[in-house]
Amino acid sequence: MKKPKYLTARICFFMHILLTHHFTVFSQRPPTSGPNPEESNLTPFIIGGTGLVVAAGSYFYLKSRGPKVPVTDNLQDYLWRQNIMPTPDALNLMYALNPGLRGQDMMRKKKKLVDPEFPEIPEEMRKAAAAVPSPTFIMPENLKGLIDEFISSMDAFSGMTLKTINPNVPKEAFREILTNLERMLTAPERFTESRNAIKDQMMTDLITVINQTVNGAIDTQELSADKLDLLQAISADLEDLLYPDPSPPQMEVVTTKGDGNREDWGLFLASAGKNFNDKLIFNRRLVNQTSRENADLKWFALAVYKYGADGDLITKGKEVEKRYQIAYASPALKDREESFHSIQGNASYGMALLGNGKYFIKVKEGDEEVPVQNPIIHFGQAFHNPVKELHNDLTKVIIYLLE
């Protein structure tokens, strides 16, 4: 049993002699110099050469894979090059296909990745996406009527004495949020700015619910926390719609509803107050002054993926293709069925013409609603796609179904 250890020791000693001789030879003048060149065993050169080859090979191998970069940033860039919007669902899919990246902060920029296998986008869909309506500058008459109705309701609301159901919900909070809405809806640029059908559609939905909520409060002479939460959410959506963020973040799903028990409405009043919102709107207005990003439209191809009962990933085939109906609404109106608008065709692929903004996505199979991992998607990312040559192509938006 001890013989292998003895042989190992002899081998290590022999290698030590060879390496010592190798470095000694390399430290001297070449063996062919001088009057009496001596012959030398080629072994040291073989050992040294092998080391150099390995080192060189490692260097060029690492260089071919590129420098180390943050994993999330590289995955986002990679998805953009595939013309896939890097939503949380798309990023989660990439991690599922490349599990070695989970928990890693850095990766090689040129590391070969496993691509998601979605069906080919039909050619007729690509042709249809070539037609994108140009922005207009005329506000529809029905939208003007809704704004006029809101102004009239504001006059009536201001002159009334209303009671609040919850003592933690002061009337001042309603006044602040309604005043903020009034400033946005009656701003001078509202009747001259560039616009599109989707923007007008979303504005119509939001102002309709504003009027319903205010008129309901006037009729009952009561204010409630759920009404205030709704108006606050509508105000946030309207700001994003009229003054889009120049660097839109991807939205996180919001599943909680207002419980009506907030103790500190001071923070709300500060965030809804004139100084805060005027500064936010002014900054966004400056950025969009010479652009039409708040009026541009773009076509999107919506695809879905899920996991089967056996845990296998499903991205194509009869279980996901042309099966699911998808509709969108303003996130603040996600609980109102009448505010949803259906896209063209069933996913995968459905097709939607959308503007720069965030939307709440609802998926159905027949009459049954299908739960979605991340239903709020900010499509404004696609208007800032770093791969400019793909801007006019159909951008894929991937949705993860929790079936």
Protein backbone atom coordinates (compact mmCIF):
# COMPACT_ATOMS: atom_id res chain seq x y z
CA MET A 1 0.00 0.00 0.00
CA LYS A 2 2.99 2.34 0.58
CA LYS A 3 4.61 1.78 -2.80
CA PRO A 4 2.52 4.35 -4.74
CA LYS A 5 3.46 7.05 -2.21
CA TYR A 6 7.17 6.19 -2.70
CA LEU A 7 6.79 6.39 -6.48
CA THR A 8 4.97 9.71 -6.18
CA ALA A 9 7.84 11.10 -4.15
CA ARG A 10 10.34 9.96 -6.78
CA ILE A 11 8.29 11.56 -9.54
CA CYS A 12 8.06 14.86 -7.65
CA PHE A 13 11.83 14.81 -7.07
CA PHE A 14 12.47 14.10 -10.77
CA MET A 15 10.17 16.99 -11.81
CA HIS A 16 11.99 19.27 -9.37
CA ILE A 17 15.33 18.42 -11.03
CA LEU A 18 13.90 19.06 -14.52
CA LEU A 19 12.40 22.42 -13.55
CA THR A 20 15.62 23.49 -11.83
CA HIS A 21 17.59 22.60 -14.95
CA HIS A 22 15.01 24.35 -17.09
CA PHE A 23 15.35 27.68 -15.26
CA THR A 24 19.15 27.34 -15.14
CA VAL A 25 19.34 26.92 -18.90
CA PHE A 26 17.05 29.90 -19.50
CA SER A 27 19.20 32.10 -17.25
CA GLN A 28 22.38 31.38 -19.25
CA ARG A 29 23.48 32.47 -22.69
CA PRO A 30 22.06 30.39 -25.49
CA PRO A 31 23.73 26.94 -25.71
CA THR A 32 24.94 27.68 -29.23
CA SER A 33 26.98 30.74 -28.23
CA GLY A 34 30.71 30.87 -27.52
CA PRO A 35 33.57 28.89 -29.03
CA ASN A 36 32.45 25.54 -27.68
CA PRO A 37 28.67 25.36 -27.86
CA GLU A 38 27.38 22.60 -25.71
CA GLU A 39 24.47 20.37 -26.52
CA SER A 40 21.53 20.50 -24.22
CA ASN A 41 18.59 18.25 -23.58
CA LEU A 42 15.49 19.63 -25.25
CA THR A 43 13.26 18.65 -22.34
CA PRO A 44 13.42 22.05 -20.59
CA PHE A 45 12.41 23.77 -23.79
CA ILE A 46 9.49 21.39 -24.17
CA ILE A 47 8.34 22.05 -20.61
CA GLY A 48 8.81 25.80 -20.95
CA GLY A 49 7.13 25.87 -24.33
CA THR A 50 4.17 23.96 -23.03
CA GLY A 51 3.71 26.49 -20.23
CA LEU A 52 3.84 29.37 -22.65
CA VAL A 53 1.33 27.71 -24.96
CA VAL A 54 -1.08 27.07 -22.08
CA ALA A 55 -0.70 30.64 -20.82
CA ALA A 56 -1.20 32.08 -24.28
CA GLY A 57 -4.19 29.85 -24.90
CA SER A 58 -5.78 30.90 -21.62
CA TYR A 59 -5.19 34.56 -22.44
CA PHE A 60 -6.80 34.38 -25.87
CA TYR A 61 -9.67 32.22 -24.54
CA LEU A 62 -10.54 34.78 -21.85
CA LYS A 63 -10.10 37.63 -24.31
CA SER A 64 -12.55 35.97 -26.72
CA ARG A 65 -15.15 35.91 -23.94
CA GLY A 66 -14.76 39.63 -23.29
CA PRO A 67 -14.29 41.55 -20.03
CA LYS A 68 -16.32 40.92 -16.92
CA VAL A 69 -19.52 42.97 -16.66
CA PRO A 70 -22.54 43.03 -14.30
CA VAL A 71 -24.85 40.09 -15.04
CA THR A 72 -28.11 42.07 -15.12
CA ASP A 73 -26.70 44.79 -17.39
CA ASN A 74 -25.30 42.22 -19.82
CA LEU A 75 -28.55 40.24 -19.92
CA GLN A 76 -30.50 43.41 -20.65
CA ASP A 77 -28.16 44.32 -23.52
CA TYR A 78 -28.35 40.75 -24.80
CA LEU A 79 -32.16 40.79 -24.82
CA TRP A 80 -32.24 44.14 -26.61
CA ARG A 81 -30.05 42.70 -29.37
CA GLN A 82 -32.66 39.94 -29.75
CA ASN A 83 -35.32 42.70 -29.85
CA ILE A 84 -36.85 41.41 -26.61
CA MET A 85 -37.81 44.00 -24.00
CA PRO A 86 -35.89 43.14 -20.78
CA THR A 87 -38.88 42.93 -18.45
CA PRO A 88 -38.58 41.06 -15.13
CA ASP A 89 -40.29 38.06 -16.78
CA ALA A 90 -37.78 38.08 -19.65
CA LEU A 91 -34.84 38.30 -17.24
CA ASN A 92 -36.24 35.48 -15.09
CA LEU A 93 -36.52 33.36 -18.21
CA MET A 94 -32.87 33.99 -19.08
CA TYR A 95 -31.83 32.94 -15.58
CA ALA A 96 -33.94 29.78 -15.91
CA LEU A 97 -32.23 28.92 -19.21
CA ASN A 98 -28.79 29.82 -17.85
CA PRO A 99 -28.91 28.69 -14.19
CA GLY A 100 -25.18 29.21 -13.74
CA LEU A 101 -25.80 32.97 -13.68
CA ARG A 102 -28.03 32.86 -10.60
CA GLY A 103 -26.34 34.39 -7.60
CA GLN A 104 -23.55 35.81 -9.77
CA ASP A 105 -22.77 39.52 -9.84
CA MET A 106 -20.37 39.45 -12.82
CA MET A 107 -20.05 37.49 -16.05
CA ARG A 108 -17.99 37.50 -19.23
CA LYS A 109 -19.52 39.89 -21.75
CA LYS A 110 -19.26 37.42 -24.65
CA LYS A 111 -20.29 34.34 -22.71
CA LYS A 112 -22.46 32.09 -24.89
CA LEU A 113 -26.01 32.03 -23.55
CA VAL A 114 -28.96 29.72 -24.12
CA ASP A 115 -31.66 31.62 -26.03
CA PRO A 116 -35.40 31.31 -25.36
CA GLU A 117 -37.15 29.36 -28.13
CA PHE A 118 -40.30 31.24 -29.06
CA PRO A 119 -42.27 30.68 -32.27
CA GLU A 120 -41.46 32.73 -35.34
CA ILE A 121 -43.42 35.96 -35.68
CA PRO A 122 -45.79 35.53 -38.68
CA GLU A 123 -44.82 37.54 -41.74
CA GLU A 124 -48.27 39.13 -42.00
CA MET A 125 -47.83 40.43 -38.46
CA ARG A 126 -44.49 41.99 -39.37
CA LYS A 127 -46.06 43.68 -42.40
CA ALA A 128 -48.94 45.05 -40.33
CA ALA A 129 -46.47 46.50 -37.83
CA ALA A 130 -44.92 48.65 -40.55
CA ALA A 131 -47.92 51.00 -40.38
CA VAL A 132 -47.58 53.34 -37.39
CA PRO A 133 -49.94 56.34 -37.15
CA SER A 134 -48.30 59.75 -36.91
CA PRO A 135 -48.95 62.00 -33.89
CA THR A 136 -51.72 64.60 -34.16
CA PHE A 137 -52.38 67.90 -32.36
CA ILE A 138 -56.18 67.89 -32.09
CA MET A 139 -57.91 66.87 -28.86
CA PRO A 140 -61.06 64.77 -29.47
CA GLU A 141 -64.34 66.47 -28.57
CA ASN A 142 -65.37 63.77 -26.09
CA LEU A 143 -62.12 64.31 -24.18
CA LYS A 144 -62.71 68.06 -24.06
CA GLY A 145 -66.18 67.34 -22.67
CA LEU A 146 -64.78 65.13 -19.90
CA ILE A 147 -62.30 67.84 -18.86
CA ASP A 148 -65.09 70.45 -18.81
CA GLU A 149 -67.18 68.11 -16.64
CA PHE A 150 -64.28 67.70 -14.22
CA ILE A 151 -63.85 71.49 -13.90
CA SER A 152 -67.58 71.86 -13.13
CA SER A 153 -67.40 69.08 -10.54
CA MET A 154 -64.41 70.77 -8.91
CA ASP A 155 -66.43 73.96 -8.48
CA ALA A 156 -69.26 72.04 -6.85
CA PHE A 157 -66.88 70.04 -4.65
CA SER A 158 -65.08 73.13 -3.39
CA GLY A 159 -68.32 74.73 -2.18
CA MET A 160 -69.61 71.73 -0.25
CA THR A 161 -69.24 70.63 3.33
CA LEU A 162 -68.32 66.95 3.23
CA LYS A 163 -67.64 64.50 6.01
CA THR A 164 -64.98 61.82 5.98
CA ILE A 165 -65.78 58.25 6.96
CA ASN A 166 -62.31 57.73 8.37
CA PRO A 167 -60.85 60.41 10.68
CA ASN A 168 -57.36 59.66 9.27
CA VAL A 169 -58.50 60.85 5.83
CA PRO A 170 -58.78 64.65 5.95
CA LYS A 171 -60.68 66.61 3.34
CA GLU A 172 -57.46 68.57 2.66
CA ALA A 173 -55.96 65.44 1.13
CA PHE A 174 -58.82 65.30 -1.39
CA ARG A 175 -58.42 68.97 -2.18
CA GLU A 176 -54.69 68.56 -2.78
CA ILE A 177 -55.01 65.61 -5.13
CA LEU A 178 -57.92 67.17 -7.05
CA THR A 179 -56.01 70.46 -7.37
CA ASN A 180 -53.05 68.53 -8.74
CA LEU A 181 -55.31 66.80 -11.28
CA GLU A 182 -56.82 70.14 -12.27
CA ARG A 183 -53.37 71.66 -12.89
CA MET A 184 -52.43 68.79 -15.19
CA LEU A 185 -55.71 68.69 -17.12
CA THR A 186 -55.93 72.47 -17.66
CA ALA A 187 -52.24 73.14 -18.38
CA PRO A 188 -51.82 75.42 -21.45
CA GLU A 189 -50.05 72.72 -23.47
CA ARG A 190 -52.91 70.27 -22.97
CA PHE A 191 -54.79 71.56 -26.03
CA THR A 192 -51.77 72.04 -28.31
CA GLU A 193 -49.44 69.12 -27.49
CA SER A 194 -48.79 66.19 -29.79
CA ARG A 195 -51.00 63.20 -29.11
CA ASN A 196 -52.10 59.80 -30.40
CA ALA A 197 -55.14 57.54 -30.17
CA ILE A 198 -53.73 55.39 -27.35
CA LYS A 199 -52.83 58.42 -25.23
CA ASP A 200 -56.32 59.87 -25.72
CA GLN A 201 -57.84 56.47 -24.93
CA MET A 202 -55.98 56.21 -21.61
CA MET A 203 -56.78 59.83 -20.72
CA THR A 204 -60.47 59.19 -21.43
CA ASP A 205 -60.47 56.14 -19.14
CA LEU A 206 -58.74 58.01 -16.29
CA ILE A 207 -60.82 61.21 -16.46
CA THR A 208 -64.06 59.19 -16.70
CA VAL A 209 -63.28 57.49 -13.38
CA ILE A 210 -62.14 60.80 -11.83
CA ASN A 211 -65.53 62.32 -12.67
CA GLN A 212 -67.39 59.26 -11.38
CA THR A 213 -65.47 59.38 -8.11
CA VAL A 214 -65.90 63.12 -7.52
CA ASN A 215 -69.59 63.08 -8.48
CA GLY A 216 -70.13 60.10 -6.18
CA ALA A 217 -68.57 62.00 -3.29
CA ILE A 218 -70.77 65.01 -4.02
CA ASP A 219 -73.93 62.86 -4.20
CA THR A 220 -73.25 61.04 -0.92
CA GLN A 221 -71.50 64.01 0.72
CA GLU A 222 -68.98 61.51 2.05
CA LEU A 223 -65.26 60.96 1.51
CA SER A 224 -63.58 57.58 1.98
CA ALA A 225 -60.04 56.24 2.03
CA ASP A 226 -60.61 53.97 -0.96
CA LYS A 227 -61.72 56.97 -3.06
CA LEU A 228 -58.63 58.89 -2.04
CA ASP A 229 -56.36 55.93 -2.84
CA LEU A 230 -58.00 55.63 -6.26
CA LEU A 231 -57.58 59.34 -7.04
CA GLN A 232 -53.95 59.24 -5.91
CA ALA A 233 -53.24 56.26 -8.19
CA ILE A 234 -55.00 57.99 -11.09
CA SER A 235 -52.94 61.14 -10.51
CA ALA A 236 -49.70 59.12 -10.67
CA ASP A 237 -50.80 57.40 -13.90
CA LEU A 238 -51.82 60.70 -15.45
CA GLU A 239 -48.45 62.26 -14.66
CA ASP A 240 -46.65 59.33 -16.31
CA LEU A 241 -48.93 59.58 -19.33
CA LEU A 242 -48.69 63.34 -19.86
CA TYR A 243 -45.08 63.81 -18.70
CA PRO A 244 -43.31 60.48 -19.32
CA ASP A 245 -40.15 59.70 -17.43
CA PRO A 246 -37.15 60.10 -19.82
CA SER A 247 -35.55 57.03 -18.21
CA PRO A 248 -38.48 54.77 -17.35
CA PRO A 249 -37.80 52.05 -14.78
CA GLN A 250 -39.31 48.61 -15.03
CA MET A 251 -42.32 48.43 -12.76
CA GLU A 252 -42.69 46.10 -9.82
CA VAL A 253 -46.05 44.43 -9.35
CA VAL A 254 -48.32 46.16 -6.82
CA THR A 255 -50.74 43.74 -5.17
CA THR A 256 -51.77 45.62 -2.03
CA LYS A 257 -54.76 47.94 -1.79
CA GLY A 258 -55.23 50.94 0.47
CA ASP A 259 -56.46 49.90 3.88
CA GLY A 260 -57.78 53.33 4.82
CA ASN A 261 -55.78 53.37 8.06
CA ARG A 262 -52.86 55.60 7.20
CA GLU A 263 -51.79 57.55 10.22
CA ASP A 264 -49.57 60.12 8.55
CA TRP A 265 -51.21 61.86 5.63
CA GLY A 266 -48.55 64.57 5.89
CA LEU A 267 -46.30 62.55 3.57
CA PHE A 268 -49.15 62.16 1.14
CA LEU A 269 -49.94 65.86 1.21
CA ALA A 270 -46.26 66.62 0.60
CA SER A 271 -46.08 64.26 -2.37
CA ALA A 272 -49.37 65.53 -3.78
CA GLY A 273 -48.56 69.15 -3.02
CA LYS A 274 -47.99 71.85 -5.60
CA ASN A 275 -44.25 72.39 -5.12
CA PHE A 276 -43.34 68.70 -5.46
CA ASN A 277 -45.47 68.00 -8.54
CA ASP A 278 -44.72 71.29 -10.25
CA LYS A 279 -40.99 70.54 -10.00
CA LEU A 280 -41.44 66.95 -11.26
CA ILE A 281 -43.65 68.04 -14.17
CA PHE A 282 -41.38 70.98 -15.03
CA ASN A 283 -38.31 68.70 -15.21
CA ARG A 284 -40.09 66.15 -17.42
CA ARG A 285 -41.50 68.92 -19.60
CA LEU A 286 -37.98 70.24 -20.22
CA VAL A 287 -36.75 66.80 -21.29
CA ASN A 288 -39.68 66.23 -23.65
CA GLN A 289 -39.75 69.77 -25.02
CA THR A 290 -38.03 68.87 -28.29
CA SER A 291 -39.19 65.27 -28.52
CA ARG A 292 -42.40 63.44 -29.36
CA GLU A 293 -41.85 60.52 -27.03
CA ASN A 294 -45.15 61.16 -25.26
CA ALA A 295 -46.95 60.91 -28.61
CA ASP A 296 -44.98 58.19 -30.39
CA LEU A 297 -46.46 54.74 -30.87
CA LYS A 298 -44.86 51.36 -31.41
CA TRP A 299 -46.03 47.83 -32.23
CA PHE A 300 -45.32 45.00 -29.81
CA ALA A 301 -45.59 41.22 -30.17
CA LEU A 302 -46.72 39.68 -26.87
CA ALA A 303 -45.63 36.14 -26.08
CA VAL A 304 -46.26 33.95 -23.04
CA TYR A 305 -44.40 31.15 -21.30
CA LYS A 306 -45.18 28.84 -18.42
CA TYR A 307 -44.11 25.62 -16.77
CA GLY A 308 -45.92 22.33 -17.32
CA ALA A 309 -47.15 19.98 -14.62
CA ASP A 310 -43.85 18.11 -14.87
CA GLY A 311 -41.87 21.33 -14.35
CA ASP A 312 -40.72 21.61 -17.98
CA LEU A 313 -40.45 25.09 -19.47
CA ILE A 314 -42.98 25.76 -22.27
CA THR A 315 -42.33 28.62 -24.70
CA LYS A 316 -43.80 27.23 -27.93
CA GLY A 317 -46.31 24.67 -29.15
CA LYS A 318 -50.06 24.23 -28.80
CA GLU A 319 -49.99 24.83 -25.02
CA VAL A 320 -49.03 28.50 -25.47
CA GLU A 321 -49.49 29.47 -29.14
CA LYS A 322 -52.65 31.39 -30.21
CA ARG A 323 -54.34 30.48 -26.95
CA TYR A 324 -54.48 33.46 -24.58
CA GLN A 325 -56.40 36.73 -24.87
CA ILE A 326 -54.51 39.75 -23.54
CA ALA A 327 -55.92 43.14 -22.55
CA TYR A 328 -54.36 46.26 -21.04
CA ALA A 329 -55.50 49.14 -18.83
CA SER A 330 -54.06 51.97 -16.80
CA PRO A 331 -52.69 50.40 -13.56
CA ALA A 332 -54.91 52.60 -11.40
CA LEU A 333 -57.98 51.10 -13.12
CA LYS A 334 -56.95 47.45 -12.89
CA ASP A 335 -60.07 46.55 -10.88
CA ARG A 336 -62.46 48.00 -13.50
CA GLU A 337 -63.26 45.57 -16.29
CA GLU A 338 -64.67 48.32 -18.53
CA SER A 339 -61.27 50.05 -18.60
CA PHE A 340 -59.47 47.16 -20.33
CA HIS A 341 -58.72 47.11 -24.06
CA SER A 342 -58.01 43.90 -25.96
CA ILE A 343 -54.97 43.51 -28.20
CA GLN A 344 -55.08 41.98 -31.68
CA GLY A 345 -54.92 38.17 -31.84
CA ASN A 346 -54.13 35.61 -29.18
CA ALA A 347 -50.74 34.97 -27.60
CA SER A 348 -48.40 33.77 -28.53
CA TYR A 349 -48.35 36.11 -30.46
CA GLY A 350 -50.78 38.88 -29.73
CA MET A 351 -50.10 42.27 -31.26
CA ALA A 352 -50.52 45.66 -29.58
CA LEU A 353 -49.98 49.27 -30.65
CA LEU A 354 -48.93 51.12 -27.48
CA GLY A 355 -47.32 54.35 -26.39
CA ASN A 356 -44.68 55.33 -23.87
CA GLY A 357 -46.18 54.41 -20.52
CA LYS A 358 -46.97 51.69 -18.04
CA TYR A 359 -49.89 49.30 -18.47
CA PHE A 360 -51.59 46.66 -16.37
CA ILE A 361 -51.78 43.40 -18.32
CA LYS A 362 -54.63 40.93 -17.91
CA VAL A 363 -54.55 37.46 -19.52
CA LYS A 364 -57.53 35.19 -20.07
CA GLU A 365 -58.15 31.77 -21.54
CA GLY A 366 -61.77 31.89 -22.58
CA ASP A 367 -63.68 33.32 -19.62
CA GLU A 368 -61.05 32.30 -17.07
CA GLU A 369 -58.44 34.82 -15.96
CA VAL A 370 -54.89 33.46 -15.87
CA PRO A 371 -52.61 34.77 -13.10
CA VAL A 372 -49.52 36.68 -14.26
CA GLN A 373 -46.21 37.01 -12.41
CA ASN A 374 -45.63 40.71 -13.22
CA PRO A 375 -48.79 42.33 -14.63
CA ILE A 376 -47.46 45.92 -14.67
CA ILE A 377 -45.14 46.55 -17.62
CA HIS A 378 -43.52 49.86 -18.55
CA PHE A 379 -43.44 49.86 -22.35
CA GLY A 380 -41.51 53.14 -22.33
CA GLN A 381 -38.31 51.09 -22.21
CA ALA A 382 -38.78 50.15 -25.86
CA PHE A 383 -38.71 53.81 -26.92
CA HIS A 384 -35.17 53.95 -25.50
CA ASN A 385 -33.90 50.70 -27.02
CA PRO A 386 -30.11 51.12 -27.36
CA VAL A 387 -30.20 49.03 -30.56
CA LYS A 388 -31.55 51.84 -32.74
CA GLU A 389 -31.74 49.81 -35.95
CA LEU A 390 -34.43 47.62 -34.36
CA HIS A 391 -36.63 50.50 -33.20
CA ASN A 392 -39.13 50.14 -36.05
CA ASP A 393 -39.32 46.34 -35.79
CA LEU A 394 -41.79 44.38 -33.68
CA THR A 395 -40.43 44.21 -30.15
CA LYS A 396 -41.21 41.04 -28.22
CA VAL A 397 -42.72 41.37 -24.75
CA ILE A 398 -42.62 38.16 -22.71
CA ILE A 399 -45.22 37.37 -20.05
CA TYR A 400 -44.83 34.61 -17.46
CA LEU A 401 -48.09 32.79 -16.70
CA LEU A 402 -48.61 31.23 -13.27
CA GLU A 403 -50.69 28.26 -14.37
